[in-house]
C-alpha atoms as a PDB file:
ATOM      1  CA  UNK A   1      81.195  95.045 109.312  1.00  0.00           C
ATOM      2  CA  UNK A   2      82.204  92.050 107.504  1.00  0.00           C
ATOM      3  CA  UNK A   3      79.488  89.682 106.297  1.00  0.00           C
ATOM      4  CA  UNK A   4      78.938  86.301 107.953  1.00  0.00           C
ATOM      5  CA  UNK A   5      80.358  83.141 106.045  1.00  0.00           C
ATOM      6  CA  UNK A   6      77.797  80.347 105.227  1.00  0.00           C
ATOM      7  CA  UNK A   7      78.729  76.684 104.517  1.00  0.00           C
ATOM      8  CA  UNK A   8      77.616  75.857 100.876  1.00  0.00           C
ATOM      9  CA  UNK A   9      78.002  72.285  99.439  1.00  0.00           C
ATOM     10  CA  UNK A  10      79.490  71.695  96.023  1.00  0.00           C
ATOM     11  CA  UNK A  11      79.835  68.468  93.900  1.00  0.00           C
ATOM     12  CA  UNK A  12      82.445  68.185  91.792  1.00  0.00           C
ATOM     13  CA  UNK A  13      83.197  64.931  90.164  1.00  0.00           C
ATOM     14  CA  UNK A  14      80.685  63.059  92.087  1.00  0.00           C
ATOM     15  CA  UNK A  15      82.562  64.421  95.358  1.00  0.00           C
ATOM     16  CA  UNK A  16      80.947  66.656  97.806  1.00  0.00           C
ATOM     17  CA  UNK A  17      82.782  69.547  99.056  1.00  0.00           C
ATOM     18  CA  UNK A  18      81.861  72.076 101.918  1.00  0.00           C
ATOM     19  CA  UNK A  19      83.039  75.602 101.209  1.00  0.00           C
ATOM     20  CA  UNK A  20      82.600  78.701 103.251  1.00  0.00           C
ATOM     21  CA  UNK A  21      81.688  82.112 101.699  1.00  0.00           C
ATOM     22  CA  UNK A  22      79.717  85.151 102.033  1.00  0.00           C
ATOM     23  CA  UNK A  23      75.925  84.752 101.262  1.00  0.00           C
ATOM     24  CA  UNK A  24      76.110  87.197  98.446  1.00  0.00           C
ATOM     25  CA  UNK A  25      78.882  85.215  96.671  1.00  0.00           C
ATOM     26  CA  UNK A  26      77.024  81.813  96.912  1.00  0.00           C
ATOM     27  CA  UNK A  27      75.540  82.150  93.206  1.00  0.00           C
ATOM     28  CA  UNK A  28      78.902  82.847  91.922  1.00  0.00           C
ATOM     29  CA  UNK A  29      80.494  79.883  93.789  1.00  0.00           C
ATOM     30  CA  UNK A  30      77.898  77.497  92.804  1.00  0.00           C
ATOM     31  CA  UNK A  31      78.217  78.740  89.278  1.00  0.00           C
ATOM     32  CA  UNK A  32      82.130  78.453  89.553  1.00  0.00           C
ATOM     33  CA  UNK A  33      81.715  75.077  90.977  1.00  0.00           C
ATOM     34  CA  UNK A  34      79.715  73.849  87.861  1.00  0.00           C
ATOM     35  CA  UNK A  35      82.098  75.206  85.413  1.00  0.00           C
ATOM     36  CA  UNK A  36      84.890  73.351  87.139  1.00  0.00           C
ATOM     37  CA  UNK A  37      82.975  70.060  87.254  1.00  0.00           C
ATOM     38  CA  UNK A  38      82.214  70.442  83.525  1.00  0.00           C
ATOM     39  CA  UNK A  39      86.072  70.898  82.687  1.00  0.00           C
ATOM     40  CA  UNK A  40      87.169  68.195  84.997  1.00  0.00           C
ATOM     41  CA  UNK A  41      84.471  65.966  83.680  1.00  0.00           C
ATOM     42  CA  UNK A  42      85.762  66.722  80.196  1.00  0.00           C
ATOM     43  CA  UNK A  43      89.399  65.834  80.778  1.00  0.00           C
ATOM     44  CA  UNK A  44      88.322  62.739  82.614  1.00  0.00           C
ATOM     45  CA  UNK A  45      86.135  61.396  79.979  1.00  0.00           C
ATOM     46  CA  UNK A  46      88.900  62.110  77.422  1.00  0.00           C
ATOM     47  CA  UNK A  47      90.756  59.195  78.967  1.00  0.00           C
ATOM     48  CA  UNK A  48      94.088  60.922  78.583  1.00  0.00           C
ATOM     49  CA  UNK A  49      94.579  61.935  82.135  1.00  0.00           C
ATOM     50  CA  UNK A  50      93.959  59.560  85.193  1.00  0.00           C
ATOM     51  CA  UNK A  51      93.940  60.571  88.622  1.00  0.00           C
ATOM     52  CA  UNK A  52      91.700  63.472  90.489  1.00  0.00           C
ATOM     53  CA  UNK A  53      95.058  65.409  91.217  1.00  0.00           C
ATOM     54  CA  UNK A  54      96.051  65.379  87.772  1.00  0.00           C
ATOM     55  CA  UNK A  55      92.459  66.055  86.415  1.00  0.00           C
ATOM     56  CA  UNK A  56      92.063  68.984  88.765  1.00  0.00           C
ATOM     57  CA  UNK A  57      95.587  70.443  87.807  1.00  0.00           C
ATOM     58  CA  UNK A  58      94.950  70.037  83.792  1.00  0.00           C
ATOM     59  CA  UNK A  59      91.471  71.962  84.661  1.00  0.00           C
ATOM     60  CA  UNK A  60      93.201  74.630  86.727  1.00  0.00           C
ATOM     61  CA  UNK A  61      95.702  74.913  83.787  1.00  0.00           C
ATOM     62  CA  UNK A  62      92.973  74.947  81.158  1.00  0.00           C
ATOM     63  CA  UNK A  63      91.002  77.520  83.300  1.00  0.00           C
ATOM     64  CA  UNK A  64      94.013  79.956  83.856  1.00  0.00           C
ATOM     65  CA  UNK A  65      94.929  79.768  80.215  1.00  0.00           C
ATOM     66  CA  UNK A  66      91.056  80.797  79.205  1.00  0.00           C
ATOM     67  CA  UNK A  67      91.678  83.450  81.686  1.00  0.00           C
ATOM     68  CA  UNK A  68      94.689  84.813  79.988  1.00  0.00           C
ATOM     69  CA  UNK A  69      92.886  84.628  76.805  1.00  0.00           C
ATOM     70  CA  UNK A  70      89.956  86.707  77.958  1.00  0.00           C
ATOM     71  CA  UNK A  71      92.434  89.245  79.639  1.00  0.00           C
ATOM     72  CA  UNK A  72      94.287  89.789  76.320  1.00  0.00           C
ATOM     73  CA  UNK A  73      91.009  90.472  74.426  1.00  0.00           C
ATOM     74  CA  UNK A  74      89.999  92.902  77.259  1.00  0.00           C
ATOM     75  CA  UNK A  75      93.089  94.702  76.467  1.00  0.00           C
ATOM     76  CA  UNK A  76      92.873  94.797  73.011  1.00  0.00           C
ATOM     77  CA  UNK A  77      88.914  95.926  73.183  1.00  0.00           C
ATOM     78  CA  UNK A  78      90.037  98.473  75.673  1.00  0.00           C
ATOM     79  CA  UNK A  79      92.863  99.712  73.378  1.00  0.00           C
ATOM     80  CA  UNK A  80      90.232 100.061  70.603  1.00  0.00           C
ATOM     81  CA  UNK A  81      87.635 101.933  72.690  1.00  0.00           C
ATOM     82  CA  UNK A  82      90.261 103.978  73.778  1.00  0.00           C
ATOM     83  CA  UNK A  83      91.434 105.015  70.302  1.00  0.00           C
ATOM     84  CA  UNK A  84      87.974 105.657  69.101  1.00  0.00           C
ATOM     85  CA  UNK A  85      86.965 107.825  72.181  1.00  0.00           C
ATOM     86  CA  UNK A  86      90.179 109.761  71.228  1.00  0.00           C
ATOM     87  CA  UNK A  87      89.008 110.123  67.720  1.00  0.00           C
ATOM     88  CA  UNK A  88      85.490 111.388  68.637  1.00  0.00           C
ATOM     89  CA  UNK A  89      87.058 113.739  71.075  1.00  0.00           C
ATOM     90  CA  UNK A  90      89.155 114.992  68.452  1.00  0.00           C
ATOM     91  CA  UNK A  91      86.335 115.570  66.136  1.00  0.00           C
ATOM     92  CA  UNK A  92      84.016 117.163  68.957  1.00  0.00           C
ATOM     93  CA  UNK A  93      87.137 119.466  69.614  1.00  0.00           C
ATOM     94  CA  UNK A  94      87.471 120.444  66.101  1.00  0.00           C
ATOM     95  CA  UNK A  95      83.672 121.154  65.516  1.00  0.00           C
ATOM     96  CA  UNK A  96      83.607 123.116  68.882  1.00  0.00           C
ATOM     97  CA  UNK A  97      86.755 124.956  67.749  1.00  0.00           C
ATOM     98  CA  UNK A  98      85.178 125.893  64.529  1.00  0.00           C
ATOM     99  CA  UNK A  99      81.946 127.027  65.607  1.00  0.00           C
ATOM    100  CA  UNK A 100      83.699 129.157  68.405  1.00  0.00           C
ATOM    101  CA  UNK A 101      85.761 130.985  65.686  1.00  0.00           C
ATOM    102  CA  UNK A 102      82.609 131.698  63.822  1.00  0.00           C
ATOM    103  CA  UNK A 103      80.712 133.152  66.922  1.00  0.00           C
ATOM    104  CA  UNK A 104      83.515 135.630  67.328  1.00  0.00           C
END
């Protein structure tokens, strides 16, 4: 059975929005709204972008770019971890293989 949805009020650039979300995701929604609010304030306060729609689009583009960079870092870390695990596995195999030969 699916979770019931609750109305959550978020404030972004001094404007109130009602958003429906499962109660278990309320904290994540509020945290996300706070991050978005901060990004939009930075853009608005820079004075280079005017208009709520344009500020929202610029914030979305900046956040999407941040996400792409984070995903690229994750892929690099996963590759590094995979390489290290392979090296450890090879070493363990080498040690176990050597000790099995000694036991014979």
